[in-house]
Amino acid sequence: MPEQRRKHPRLPVTSTTFIELLSARVGQNESAQLITCNTVDVSRGGLQVILSEELTVGAILQIGVDLPNAPGTLYLAGEVRWCLPSDDERHPWKAGFQILNAEDTDIATWVAMIAIMEG
């Protein structure tokens, strides 16, 4: 998306990120399917990651982000807005997430931490 159309500036931040592709079922012996990736940039309303797997555009996924100076992993809900091949052999995909204002997430802490990083 062109920078002038964005509501919030993008900050170049590399953070370890966990994306839950498949939730564990209650009462089942299945575990959640998680992938670990890294952010490329973040904003109050979204983030871009590089990762090893293609994501489905429109999917709403649970995300955990270890932002620098955060009190711990921040748990968020995000919608995959786009997913494209990347030029990185180790991380052949890049994806953009819109962070959703969902209950039982760390959205307020996320927005506060990004605001501090913006200066």
PDB file of N, CA and C in Angstrom:
ATOM      1  N   MET A   1       0.851  -1.171   0.000  1.00  0.00           N
ATOM      2  CA  MET A   1       0.000   0.000   0.000  1.00  0.00           C
ATOM      3  C   MET A   1       0.895   1.232   0.000  1.00  0.00           C
ATOM      4  N   PRO A   2       0.577   2.220  -0.813  1.00  0.00           N
ATOM      5  CA  PRO A   2       1.391   3.430  -0.822  1.00  0.00           C
ATOM      6  C   PRO A   2       1.421   4.086   0.557  1.00  0.00           C
ATOM      7  N   GLU A   3       2.582   4.616   0.921  1.00  0.00           N
ATOM      8  CA  GLU A   3       2.769   5.199   2.251  1.00  0.00           C
ATOM      9  C   GLU A   3       1.755   6.306   2.531  1.00  0.00           C
ATOM     10  N   GLN A   4       1.383   7.109   1.512  1.00  0.00           N
ATOM     11  CA  GLN A   4       0.457   8.203   1.744  1.00  0.00           C
ATOM     12  C   GLN A   4      -0.948   7.708   2.092  1.00  0.00           C
ATOM     13  N   ARG A   5      -1.292   6.471   1.782  1.00  0.00           N
ATOM     14  CA  ARG A   5      -2.612   5.923   2.106  1.00  0.00           C
ATOM     15  C   ARG A   5      -2.638   5.280   3.483  1.00  0.00           C
ATOM     16  N   ARG A   6      -1.512   5.113   4.116  1.00  0.00           N
ATOM     17  CA  ARG A   6      -1.453   4.479   5.423  1.00  0.00           C
ATOM     18  C   ARG A   6      -1.900   5.449   6.512  1.00  0.00           C
ATOM     19  N   LYS A   7      -2.591   4.910   7.515  1.00  0.00           N
ATOM     20  CA  LYS A   7      -2.999   5.716   8.660  1.00  0.00           C
ATOM     21  C   LYS A   7      -1.831   5.965   9.598  1.00  0.00           C
ATOM     22  N   HIS A   8      -0.919   4.988   9.682  1.00  0.00           N
ATOM     23  CA  HIS A   8       0.172   5.052  10.646  1.00  0.00           C
ATOM     24  C   HIS A   8       1.498   4.762   9.947  1.00  0.00           C
ATOM     25  N   PRO A   9       2.571   5.431  10.383  1.00  0.00           N
ATOM     26  CA  PRO A   9       3.877   5.174   9.765  1.00  0.00           C
ATOM     27  C   PRO A   9       4.394   3.775  10.080  1.00  0.00           C
ATOM     28  N   ARG A  10       5.124   3.206   9.137  1.00  0.00           N
ATOM     29  CA  ARG A  10       5.784   1.909   9.324  1.00  0.00           C
ATOM     30  C   ARG A  10       7.144   2.132   9.961  1.00  0.00           C
ATOM     31  N   LEU A  11       7.462   1.298  10.938  1.00  0.00           N
ATOM     32  CA  LEU A  11       8.758   1.364  11.606  1.00  0.00           C
ATOM     33  C   LEU A  11       9.540   0.102  11.286  1.00  0.00           C
ATOM     34  N   PRO A  12      10.789   0.227  10.832  1.00  0.00           N
ATOM     35  CA  PRO A  12      11.584  -0.968  10.521  1.00  0.00           C
ATOM     36  C   PRO A  12      12.033  -1.655  11.814  1.00  0.00           C
ATOM     37  N   VAL A  13      11.320  -2.698  12.201  1.00  0.00           N
ATOM     38  CA  VAL A  13      11.593  -3.424  13.444  1.00  0.00           C
ATOM     39  C   VAL A  13      11.650  -4.909  13.130  1.00  0.00           C
ATOM     40  N   THR A  14      12.722  -5.560  13.572  1.00  0.00           N
ATOM     41  CA  THR A  14      12.835  -7.011  13.426  1.00  0.00           C
ATOM     42  C   THR A  14      12.549  -7.649  14.775  1.00  0.00           C
ATOM     43  N   SER A  15      11.465  -8.404  14.856  1.00  0.00           N
ATOM     44  CA  SER A  15      11.067  -9.074  16.093  1.00  0.00           C
ATOM     45  C   SER A  15      10.651 -10.498  15.785  1.00  0.00           C
ATOM     46  N   THR A  16      10.960 -11.397  16.707  1.00  0.00           N
ATOM     47  CA  THR A  16      10.480 -12.767  16.574  1.00  0.00           C
ATOM     48  C   THR A  16       8.965 -12.759  16.701  1.00  0.00           C
ATOM     49  N   THR A  17       8.312 -13.477  15.803  1.00  0.00           N
ATOM     50  CA  THR A  17       6.855 -13.506  15.745  1.00  0.00           C
ATOM     51  C   THR A  17       6.392 -14.947  15.610  1.00  0.00           C
ATOM     52  N   PHE A  18       5.304 -15.271  16.309  1.00  0.00           N
ATOM     53  CA  PHE A  18       4.707 -16.599  16.256  1.00  0.00           C
ATOM     54  C   PHE A  18       3.311 -16.457  15.669  1.00  0.00           C
ATOM     55  N   ILE A  19       2.997 -17.283  14.679  1.00  0.00           N
ATOM     56  CA  ILE A  19       1.676 -17.247  14.057  1.00  0.00           C
ATOM     57  C   ILE A  19       1.027 -18.610  14.241  1.00  0.00           C
ATOM     58  N   GLU A  20      -0.182 -18.598  14.796  1.00  0.00           N
ATOM     59  CA  GLU A  20      -0.918 -19.840  15.009  1.00  0.00           C
ATOM     60  C   GLU A  20      -1.746 -20.128  13.755  1.00  0.00           C
ATOM     61  N   LEU A  21      -1.308 -21.127  12.988  1.00  0.00           N
ATOM     62  CA  LEU A  21      -2.003 -21.485  11.754  1.00  0.00           C
ATOM     63  C   LEU A  21      -3.214 -22.360  12.018  1.00  0.00           C
ATOM     64  N   LEU A  22      -3.127 -23.176  13.066  1.00  0.00           N
ATOM     65  CA  LEU A  22      -4.199 -24.105  13.401  1.00  0.00           C
ATOM     66  C   LEU A  22      -4.289 -24.179  14.907  1.00  0.00           C
ATOM     67  N   SER A  23      -5.470 -23.917  15.462  1.00  0.00           N
ATOM     68  CA  SER A  23      -5.657 -23.954  16.909  1.00  0.00           C
ATOM     69  C   SER A  23      -5.803 -25.384  17.397  1.00  0.00           C
ATOM     70  N   ALA A  24      -5.384 -25.613  18.641  1.00  0.00           N
ATOM     71  CA  ALA A  24      -5.595 -26.918  19.271  1.00  0.00           C
ATOM     72  C   ALA A  24      -7.084 -27.062  19.566  1.00  0.00           C
ATOM     73  N   ARG A  25      -7.614 -28.252  19.383  1.00  0.00           N
ATOM     74  CA  ARG A  25      -9.026 -28.495  19.670  1.00  0.00           C
ATOM     75  C   ARG A  25      -9.185 -28.905  21.126  1.00  0.00           C
ATOM     76  N   VAL A  26     -10.163 -28.326  21.779  1.00  0.00           N
ATOM     77  CA  VAL A  26     -10.434 -28.659  23.171  1.00  0.00           C
ATOM     78  C   VAL A  26     -10.851 -30.122  23.256  1.00  0.00           C
ATOM     79  N   GLY A  27     -10.255 -30.861  24.183  1.00  0.00           N
ATOM     80  CA  GLY A  27     -10.598 -32.265  24.372  1.00  0.00           C
ATOM     81  C   GLY A  27      -9.915 -33.211  23.401  1.00  0.00           C
ATOM     82  N   GLN A  28      -9.080 -32.690  22.521  1.00  0.00           N
ATOM     83  CA  GLN A  28      -8.368 -33.521  21.552  1.00  0.00           C
ATOM     84  C   GLN A  28      -6.891 -33.567  21.921  1.00  0.00           C
ATOM     85  N   ASN A  29      -6.192 -34.546  21.421  1.00  0.00           N
ATOM     86  CA  ASN A  29      -4.759 -34.656  21.662  1.00  0.00           C
ATOM     87  C   ASN A  29      -3.943 -33.929  20.602  1.00  0.00           C
ATOM     88  N   GLU A  30      -4.548 -33.034  19.888  1.00  0.00           N
ATOM     89  CA  GLU A  30      -3.852 -32.275  18.858  1.00  0.00           C
ATOM     90  C   GLU A  30      -3.250 -31.019  19.475  1.00  0.00           C
ATOM     91  N   SER A  31      -2.093 -30.632  18.982  1.00  0.00           N
ATOM     92  CA  SER A  31      -1.499 -29.381  19.450  1.00  0.00           C
ATOM     93  C   SER A  31      -1.678 -28.324  18.365  1.00  0.00           C
ATOM     94  N   ALA A  32      -1.543 -27.085  18.777  1.00  0.00           N
ATOM     95  CA  ALA A  32      -1.656 -25.991  17.817  1.00  0.00           C
ATOM     96  C   ALA A  32      -0.505 -26.058  16.821  1.00  0.00           C
ATOM     97  N   GLN A  33      -0.759 -25.614  15.595  1.00  0.00           N
ATOM     98  CA  GLN A  33       0.297 -25.546  14.587  1.00  0.00           C
ATOM     99  C   GLN A  33       0.804 -24.110  14.539  1.00  0.00           C
ATOM    100  N   LEU A  34       2.059 -23.923  14.982  1.00  0.00           N
ATOM    101  CA  LEU A  34       2.673 -22.601  15.024  1.00  0.00           C
ATOM    102  C   LEU A  34       3.826 -22.516  14.045  1.00  0.00           C
ATOM    103  N   ILE A  35       4.021 -21.334  13.484  1.00  0.00           N
ATOM    104  CA  ILE A  35       5.246 -21.079  12.726  1.00  0.00           C
ATOM    105  C   ILE A  35       5.935 -19.880  13.367  1.00  0.00           C
ATOM    106  N   THR A  36       7.239 -19.877  13.302  1.00  0.00           N
ATOM    107  CA  THR A  36       8.035 -18.768  13.812  1.00  0.00           C
ATOM    108  C   THR A  36       8.571 -17.989  12.623  1.00  0.00           C
ATOM    109  N   CYS A  37       8.462 -16.680  12.706  1.00  0.00           N
ATOM    110  CA  CYS A  37       8.951 -15.827  11.626  1.00  0.00           C
ATOM    111  C   CYS A  37       9.456 -14.524  12.226  1.00  0.00           C
ATOM    112  N   ASN A  38       9.747 -13.541  11.396  1.00  0.00           N
ATOM    113  CA  ASN A  38      10.249 -12.248  11.859  1.00  0.00           C
ATOM    114  C   ASN A  38       9.488 -11.110  11.206  1.00  0.00           C
ATOM    115  N   THR A  39       9.305 -10.043  11.983  1.00  0.00           N
ATOM    116  CA  THR A  39       8.724  -8.840  11.400  1.00  0.00           C
ATOM    117  C   THR A  39       9.767  -8.138  10.537  1.00  0.00           C
ATOM    118  N   VAL A  40       9.279  -7.437   9.532  1.00  0.00           N
ATOM    119  CA  VAL A  40      10.096  -6.559   8.693  1.00  0.00           C
ATOM    120  C   VAL A  40       9.844  -5.120   9.132  1.00  0.00           C
ATOM    121  N   ASP A  41       8.561  -4.810   9.331  1.00  0.00           N
ATOM    122  CA  ASP A  41       8.178  -3.504   9.847  1.00  0.00           C
ATOM    123  C   ASP A  41       6.861  -3.633  10.600  1.00  0.00           C
ATOM    124  N   VAL A  42       6.604  -2.618  11.439  1.00  0.00           N
ATOM    125  CA  VAL A  42       5.397  -2.621  12.264  1.00  0.00           C
ATOM    126  C   VAL A  42       4.785  -1.225  12.260  1.00  0.00           C
ATOM    127  N   SER A  43       3.496  -1.160  12.560  1.00  0.00           N
ATOM    128  CA  SER A  43       2.814   0.113  12.764  1.00  0.00           C
ATOM    129  C   SER A  43       1.730  -0.130  13.805  1.00  0.00           C
ATOM    130  N   ARG A  44       1.058   0.931  14.194  1.00  0.00           N
ATOM    131  CA  ARG A  44      -0.023   0.774  15.178  1.00  0.00           C
ATOM    132  C   ARG A  44      -1.115  -0.148  14.653  1.00  0.00           C
ATOM    133  N   GLY A  45      -1.302  -0.172  13.341  1.00  0.00           N
ATOM    134  CA  GLY A  45      -2.398  -0.937  12.770  1.00  0.00           C
ATOM    135  C   GLY A  45      -2.021  -2.195  12.026  1.00  0.00           C
ATOM    136  N   GLY A  46      -0.720  -2.517  11.958  1.00  0.00           N
ATOM    137  CA  GLY A  46      -0.357  -3.702  11.194  1.00  0.00           C
ATOM    138  C   GLY A  46       1.100  -4.070  11.330  1.00  0.00           C
ATOM    139  N   LEU A  47       1.464  -5.126  10.617  1.00  0.00           N
ATOM    140  CA  LEU A  47       2.855  -5.562  10.581  1.00  0.00           C
ATOM    141  C   LEU A  47       3.099  -6.364   9.319  1.00  0.00           C
ATOM    142  N   GLN A  48       4.361  -6.371   8.900  1.00  0.00           N
ATOM    143  CA  GLN A  48       4.799  -7.176   7.764  1.00  0.00           C
ATOM    144  C   GLN A  48       5.795  -8.198   8.293  1.00  0.00           C
ATOM    145  N   VAL A  49       5.646  -9.445   7.832  1.00  0.00           N
ATOM    146  CA  VAL A  49       6.542 -10.514   8.264  1.00  0.00           C
ATOM    147  C   VAL A  49       7.149 -11.210   7.056  1.00  0.00           C
ATOM    148  N   ILE A  50       8.304 -11.846   7.288  1.00  0.00           N
ATOM    149  CA  ILE A  50       8.877 -12.770   6.310  1.00  0.00           C
ATOM    150  C   ILE A  50       8.778 -14.150   6.930  1.00  0.00           C
ATOM    151  N   LEU A  51       8.381 -15.134   6.122  1.00  0.00           N
ATOM    152  CA  LEU A  51       8.107 -16.448   6.681  1.00  0.00           C
ATOM    153  C   LEU A  51       8.330 -17.547   5.665  1.00  0.00           C
ATOM    154  N   SER A  52       8.256 -18.784   6.153  1.00  0.00           N
ATOM    155  CA  SER A  52       8.570 -19.944   5.318  1.00  0.00           C
ATOM    156  C   SER A  52       7.352 -20.532   4.619  1.00  0.00           C
ATOM    157  N   GLU A  53       6.149 -20.097   4.994  1.00  0.00           N
ATOM    158  CA  GLU A  53       4.933 -20.679   4.423  1.00  0.00           C
ATOM    159  C   GLU A  53       4.026 -19.602   3.853  1.00  0.00           C
ATOM    160  N   GLU A  54       3.300 -19.969   2.820  1.00  0.00           N
ATOM    161  CA  GLU A  54       2.300 -19.063   2.257  1.00  0.00           C
ATOM    162  C   GLU A  54       1.094 -19.021   3.186  1.00  0.00           C
ATOM    163  N   LEU A  55       0.526 -17.838   3.370  1.00  0.00           N
ATOM    164  CA  LEU A  55      -0.671 -17.672   4.184  1.00  0.00           C
ATOM    165  C   LEU A  55      -1.860 -17.361   3.282  1.00  0.00           C
ATOM    166  N   THR A  56      -3.042 -17.708   3.755  1.00  0.00           N
ATOM    167  CA  THR A  56      -4.269 -17.457   3.008  1.00  0.00           C
ATOM    168  C   THR A  56      -4.736 -16.025   3.247  1.00  0.00           C
ATOM    169  N   VAL A  57      -4.849 -15.253   2.183  1.00  0.00           N
ATOM    170  CA  VAL A  57      -5.336 -13.883   2.296  1.00  0.00           C
ATOM    171  C   VAL A  57      -6.757 -13.919   2.850  1.00  0.00           C
ATOM    172  N   GLY A  58      -7.026 -13.071   3.833  1.00  0.00           N
ATOM    173  CA  GLY A  58      -8.333 -13.017   4.479  1.00  0.00           C
ATOM    174  C   GLY A  58      -8.419 -13.836   5.749  1.00  0.00           C
ATOM    175  N   ALA A  59      -7.445 -14.712   5.977  1.00  0.00           N
ATOM    176  CA  ALA A  59      -7.449 -15.525   7.197  1.00  0.00           C
ATOM    177  C   ALA A  59      -7.230 -14.628   8.412  1.00  0.00           C
ATOM    178  N   ILE A  60      -7.934 -14.924   9.488  1.00  0.00           N
ATOM    179  CA  ILE A  60      -7.740 -14.224  10.753  1.00  0.00           C
ATOM    180  C   ILE A  60      -6.993 -15.176  11.673  1.00  0.00           C
ATOM    181  N   LEU A  61      -5.804 -14.756  12.090  1.00  0.00           N
ATOM    182  CA  LEU A  61      -4.898 -15.633  12.825  1.00  0.00           C
ATOM    183  C   LEU A  61      -4.454 -14.986  14.130  1.00  0.00           C
ATOM    184  N   GLN A  62      -4.093 -15.833  15.091  1.00  0.00           N
ATOM    185  CA  GLN A  62      -3.509 -15.371  16.347  1.00  0.00           C
ATOM    186  C   GLN A  62      -2.017 -15.157  16.119  1.00  0.00           C
ATOM    187  N   ILE A  63      -1.497 -14.053  16.627  1.00  0.00           N
ATOM    188  CA  ILE A  63      -0.102 -13.676  16.422  1.00  0.00           C
ATOM    189  C   ILE A  63       0.513 -13.332  17.770  1.00  0.00           C
ATOM    190  N   GLY A  64       1.728 -13.784  18.000  1.00  0.00           N
ATOM    191  CA  GLY A  64       2.495 -13.376  19.171  1.00  0.00           C
ATOM    192  C   GLY A  64       3.750 -12.670  18.698  1.00  0.00           C
ATOM    193  N   VAL A  65       3.995 -11.458  19.207  1.00  0.00           N
ATOM    194  CA  VAL A  65       5.145 -10.664  18.764  1.00  0.00           C
ATOM    195  C   VAL A  65       5.994 -10.287  19.975  1.00  0.00           C
ATOM    196  N   ASP A  66       7.296 -10.509  19.864  1.00  0.00           N
ATOM    197  CA  ASP A  66       8.249 -10.108  20.901  1.00  0.00           C
ATOM    198  C   ASP A  66       8.876  -8.773  20.511  1.00  0.00           C
ATOM    199  N   LEU A  67       8.152  -7.683  20.749  1.00  0.00           N
ATOM    200  CA  LEU A  67       8.674  -6.351  20.427  1.00  0.00           C
ATOM    201  C   LEU A  67       9.821  -5.990  21.360  1.00  0.00           C
ATOM    202  N   PRO A  68      10.814  -5.242  20.865  1.00  0.00           N
ATOM    203  CA  PRO A  68      11.877  -4.767  21.749  1.00  0.00           C
ATOM    204  C   PRO A  68      11.286  -3.914  22.882  1.00  0.00           C
ATOM    205  N   ASN A  69      11.771  -4.125  24.088  1.00  0.00           N
ATOM    206  CA  ASN A  69      11.362  -3.376  25.284  1.00  0.00           C
ATOM    207  C   ASN A  69       9.928  -3.638  25.728  1.00  0.00           C
ATOM    208  N   ALA A  70       9.235  -4.596  25.133  1.00  0.00           N
ATOM    209  CA  ALA A  70       7.894  -4.953  25.593  1.00  0.00           C
ATOM    210  C   ALA A  70       8.021  -5.805  26.851  1.00  0.00           C
ATOM    211  N   PRO A  71       6.992  -5.802  27.703  1.00  0.00           N
ATOM    212  CA  PRO A  71       7.055  -6.576  28.946  1.00  0.00           C
ATOM    213  C   PRO A  71       7.027  -8.089  28.722  1.00  0.00           C
ATOM    214  N   GLY A  72       6.774  -8.531  27.533  1.00  0.00           N
ATOM    215  CA  GLY A  72       6.712  -9.952  27.179  1.00  0.00           C
ATOM    216  C   GLY A  72       6.119 -10.070  25.791  1.00  0.00           C
ATOM    217  N   THR A  73       5.787 -11.282  25.398  1.00  0.00           N
ATOM    218  CA  THR A  73       5.159 -11.489  24.092  1.00  0.00           C
ATOM    219  C   THR A  73       3.792 -10.820  24.073  1.00  0.00           C
ATOM    220  N   LEU A  74       3.514 -10.074  23.027  1.00  0.00           N
ATOM    221  CA  LEU A  74       2.208  -9.442  22.853  1.00  0.00           C
ATOM    222  C   LEU A  74       1.361 -10.327  21.951  1.00  0.00           C
ATOM    223  N   TYR A  75       0.169 -10.669  22.431  1.00  0.00           N
ATOM    224  CA  TYR A  75      -0.729 -11.556  21.691  1.00  0.00           C
ATOM    225  C   TYR A  75      -1.805 -10.728  21.004  1.00  0.00           C
ATOM    226  N   LEU A  76      -1.901 -10.916  19.692  1.00  0.00           N
ATOM    227  CA  LEU A  76      -2.777 -10.114  18.850  1.00  0.00           C
ATOM    228  C   LEU A  76      -3.591 -11.007  17.925  1.00  0.00           C
ATOM    229  N   ALA A  77      -4.652 -10.438  17.362  1.00  0.00           N
ATOM    230  CA  ALA A  77      -5.393 -11.083  16.280  1.00  0.00           C
ATOM    231  C   ALA A  77      -5.161 -10.234  15.039  1.00  0.00           C
ATOM    232  N   GLY A  78      -4.876 -10.897  13.925  1.00  0.00           N
ATOM    233  CA  GLY A  78      -4.609 -10.147  12.710  1.00  0.00           C
ATOM    234  C   GLY A  78      -5.194 -10.811  11.481  1.00  0.00           C
ATOM    235  N   GLU A  79      -5.588  -9.984  10.522  1.00  0.00           N
ATOM    236  CA  GLU A  79      -6.094 -10.485   9.245  1.00  0.00           C
ATOM    237  C   GLU A  79      -4.989 -10.402   8.207  1.00  0.00           C
ATOM    238  N   VAL A  80      -4.777 -11.495   7.485  1.00  0.00           N
ATOM    239  CA  VAL A  80      -3.793 -11.509   6.402  1.00  0.00           C
ATOM    240  C   VAL A  80      -4.364 -10.673   5.259  1.00  0.00           C
ATOM    241  N   ARG A  81      -3.718  -9.547   4.965  1.00  0.00           N
ATOM    242  CA  ARG A  81      -4.193  -8.654   3.909  1.00  0.00           C
ATOM    243  C   ARG A  81      -3.568  -8.975   2.566  1.00  0.00           C
ATOM    244  N   TRP A  82      -2.330  -9.500   2.604  1.00  0.00           N
ATOM    245  CA  TRP A  82      -1.651  -9.902   1.370  1.00  0.00           C
ATOM    246  C   TRP A  82      -0.549 -10.885   1.726  1.00  0.00           C
ATOM    247  N   CYS A  83      -0.181 -11.705   0.758  1.00  0.00           N
ATOM    248  CA  CYS A  83       0.930 -12.647   0.907  1.00  0.00           C
ATOM    249  C   CYS A  83       1.560 -12.824  -0.471  1.00  0.00           C
ATOM    250  N   LEU A  84       2.872 -12.563  -0.553  1.00  0.00           N
ATOM    251  CA  LEU A  84       3.581 -12.589  -1.831  1.00  0.00           C
ATOM    252  C   LEU A  84       4.902 -13.332  -1.693  1.00  0.00           C
ATOM    253  N   PRO A  85       5.403 -13.878  -2.800  1.00  0.00           N
ATOM    254  CA  PRO A  85       6.741 -14.484  -2.751  1.00  0.00           C
ATOM    255  C   PRO A  85       7.781 -13.406  -2.418  1.00  0.00           C
ATOM    256  N   SER A  86       8.832 -13.820  -1.705  1.00  0.00           N
ATOM    257  CA  SER A  86       9.929 -12.892  -1.407  1.00  0.00           C
ATOM    258  C   SER A  86      11.189 -13.348  -2.134  1.00  0.00           C
ATOM    259  N   ASP A  87      12.214 -12.524  -2.090  1.00  0.00           N
ATOM    260  CA  ASP A  87      13.491 -12.861  -2.724  1.00  0.00           C
ATOM    261  C   ASP A  87      14.426 -13.603  -1.779  1.00  0.00           C
ATOM    262  N   ASP A  88      13.990 -13.841  -0.551  1.00  0.00           N
ATOM    263  CA  ASP A  88      14.813 -14.473   0.480  1.00  0.00           C
ATOM    264  C   ASP A  88      14.612 -15.989   0.440  1.00  0.00           C
ATOM    265  N   GLU A  89      15.671 -16.740   0.158  1.00  0.00           N
ATOM    266  CA  GLU A  89      15.549 -18.201   0.064  1.00  0.00           C
ATOM    267  C   GLU A  89      15.156 -18.837   1.393  1.00  0.00           C
ATOM    268  N   ARG A  90      15.634 -18.272   2.510  1.00  0.00           N
ATOM    269  CA  ARG A  90      15.303 -18.840   3.823  1.00  0.00           C
ATOM    270  C   ARG A  90      13.870 -18.519   4.228  1.00  0.00           C
ATOM    271  N   HIS A  91      13.347 -17.417   3.747  1.00  0.00           N
ATOM    272  CA  HIS A  91      11.980 -16.985   4.048  1.00  0.00           C
ATOM    273  C   HIS A  91      11.305 -16.642   2.719  1.00  0.00           C
ATOM    274  N   PRO A  92      10.803 -17.660   2.007  1.00  0.00           N
ATOM    275  CA  PRO A  92      10.320 -17.423   0.639  1.00  0.00           C
ATOM    276  C   PRO A  92       8.996 -16.663   0.523  1.00  0.00           C
ATOM    277  N   TRP A  93       8.385 -16.296   1.651  1.00  0.00           N
ATOM    278  CA  TRP A  93       7.115 -15.563   1.605  1.00  0.00           C
ATOM    279  C   TRP A  93       7.190 -14.323   2.488  1.00  0.00           C
ATOM    280  N   LYS A  94       6.430 -13.308   2.112  1.00  0.00           N
ATOM    281  CA  LYS A  94       6.233 -12.141   2.959  1.00  0.00           C
ATOM    282  C   LYS A  94       4.735 -11.867   3.000  1.00  0.00           C
ATOM    283  N   ALA A  95       4.277 -11.385   4.155  1.00  0.00           N
ATOM    284  CA  ALA A  95       2.840 -11.178   4.328  1.00  0.00           C
ATOM    285  C   ALA A  95       2.589  -9.930   5.157  1.00  0.00           C
ATOM    286  N   GLY A  96       1.457  -9.300   4.886  1.00  0.00           N
ATOM    287  CA  GLY A  96       1.040  -8.128   5.641  1.00  0.00           C
ATOM    288  C   GLY A  96      -0.206  -8.441   6.444  1.00  0.00           C
ATOM    289  N   PHE A  97      -0.198  -8.031   7.707  1.00  0.00           N
ATOM    290  CA  PHE A  97      -1.334  -8.236   8.604  1.00  0.00           C
ATOM    291  C   PHE A  97      -1.929  -6.905   9.014  1.00  0.00           C
ATOM    292  N   GLN A  98      -3.252  -6.857   9.086  1.00  0.00           N
ATOM    293  CA  GLN A  98      -3.941  -5.756   9.742  1.00  0.00           C
ATOM    294  C   GLN A  98      -4.274  -6.246  11.139  1.00  0.00           C
ATOM    295  N   ILE A  99      -3.840  -5.499  12.161  1.00  0.00           N
ATOM    296  CA  ILE A  99      -4.122  -5.876  13.537  1.00  0.00           C
ATOM    297  C   ILE A  99      -5.576  -5.535  13.838  1.00  0.00           C
ATOM    298  N   LEU A 100      -6.294  -6.494  14.421  1.00  0.00           N
ATOM    299  CA  LEU A 100      -7.709  -6.313  14.722  1.00  0.00           C
ATOM    300  C   LEU A 100      -7.893  -5.901  16.177  1.00  0.00           C
ATOM    301  N   ASN A 101      -8.873  -5.064  16.425  1.00  0.00           N
ATOM    302  CA  ASN A 101      -9.198  -4.635  17.780  1.00  0.00           C
ATOM    303  C   ASN A 101     -10.096  -5.702  18.400  1.00  0.00           C
ATOM    304  N   ALA A 102      -9.480  -6.772  18.882  1.00  0.00           N
ATOM    305  CA  ALA A 102     -10.219  -7.925  19.387  1.00  0.00           C
ATOM    306  C   ALA A 102     -10.078  -8.037  20.902  1.00  0.00           C
ATOM    307  N   GLU A 103     -11.103  -8.591  21.538  1.00  0.00           N
ATOM    308  CA  GLU A 103     -11.051  -8.831  22.980  1.00  0.00           C
ATOM    309  C   GLU A 103      -9.999  -9.880  23.290  1.00  0.00           C
ATOM    310  N   ASP A 104      -9.521  -9.846  24.526  1.00  0.00           N
ATOM    311  CA  ASP A 104      -8.539 -10.819  25.011  1.00  0.00           C
ATOM    312  C   ASP A 104      -7.255 -10.819  24.195  1.00  0.00           C
ATOM    313  N   THR A 105      -6.877  -9.645  23.679  1.00  0.00           N
ATOM    314  CA  THR A 105      -5.589  -9.493  23.006  1.00  0.00           C
ATOM    315  C   THR A 105      -4.844  -8.345  23.681  1.00  0.00           C
ATOM    316  N   ASP A 106      -3.605  -8.172  23.293  1.00  0.00           N
ATOM    317  CA  ASP A 106      -2.772  -7.104  23.848  1.00  0.00           C
ATOM    318  C   ASP A 106      -2.741  -5.881  22.938  1.00  0.00           C
ATOM    319  N   ILE A 107      -3.856  -5.588  22.272  1.00  0.00           N
ATOM    320  CA  ILE A 107      -3.899  -4.490  21.309  1.00  0.00           C
ATOM    321  C   ILE A 107      -3.562  -3.147  21.957  1.00  0.00           C
ATOM    322  N   ALA A 108      -4.041  -2.891  23.177  1.00  0.00           N
ATOM    323  CA  ALA A 108      -3.771  -1.604  23.831  1.00  0.00           C
ATOM    324  C   ALA A 108      -2.278  -1.449  24.119  1.00  0.00           C
ATOM    325  N   THR A 109      -1.644  -2.513  24.594  1.00  0.00           N
ATOM    326  CA  THR A 109      -0.202  -2.471  24.857  1.00  0.00           C
ATOM    327  C   THR A 109       0.565  -2.307  23.553  1.00  0.00           C
ATOM    328  N   TRP A 110       0.128  -3.012  22.498  1.00  0.00           N
ATOM    329  CA  TRP A 110       0.766  -2.902  21.181  1.00  0.00           C
ATOM    330  C   TRP A 110       0.763  -1.444  20.710  1.00  0.00           C
ATOM    331  N   VAL A 111      -0.408  -0.816  20.735  1.00  0.00           N
ATOM    332  CA  VAL A 111      -0.534   0.566  20.263  1.00  0.00           C
ATOM    333  C   VAL A 111       0.346   1.490  21.107  1.00  0.00           C
ATOM    334  N   ALA A 112       0.356   1.289  22.429  1.00  0.00           N
ATOM    335  CA  ALA A 112       1.178   2.123  23.309  1.00  0.00           C
ATOM    336  C   ALA A 112       2.667   1.935  23.022  1.00  0.00           C
ATOM    337  N   MET A 113       3.108   0.692  22.818  1.00  0.00           N
ATOM    338  CA  MET A 113       4.521   0.418  22.540  1.00  0.00           C
ATOM    339  C   MET A 113       4.945   1.025  21.196  1.00  0.00           C
ATOM    340  N   ILE A 114       4.094   0.904  20.183  1.00  0.00           N
ATOM    341  CA  ILE A 114       4.424   1.469  18.872  1.00  0.00           C
ATOM    342  C   ILE A 114       4.466   2.996  18.957  1.00  0.00           C
ATOM    343  N   ALA A 115       3.540   3.591  19.715  1.00  0.00           N
ATOM    344  CA  ALA A 115       3.533   5.048  19.878  1.00  0.00           C
ATOM    345  C   ALA A 115       4.842   5.524  20.508  1.00  0.00           C
ATOM    346  N   ILE A 116       5.353   4.789  21.486  1.00  0.00           N
ATOM    347  CA  ILE A 116       6.639   5.130  22.107  1.00  0.00           C
ATOM    348  C   ILE A 116       7.760   5.022  21.078  1.00  0.00           C
ATOM    349  N   MET A 117       7.729   3.969  20.265  1.00  0.00           N
ATOM    350  CA  MET A 117       8.768   3.763  19.254  1.00  0.00           C
ATOM    351  C   MET A 117       8.734   4.851  18.177  1.00  0.00           C
ATOM    352  N   GLU A 118       7.534   5.383  17.911  1.00  0.00           N
ATOM    353  CA  GLU A 118       7.405   6.455  16.919  1.00  0.00           C
ATOM    354  C   GLU A 118       8.061   7.748  17.403  1.00  0.00           C
ATOM    355  N   GLY A 119       8.194   7.855  18.736  1.00  0.00           N
ATOM    356  CA  GLY A 119       8.849   9.046  19.312  1.00  0.00           C
ATOM    357  C   GLY A 119       7.870  10.103  19.538  1.00  0.00           C
TER     358      GLY A 119
END
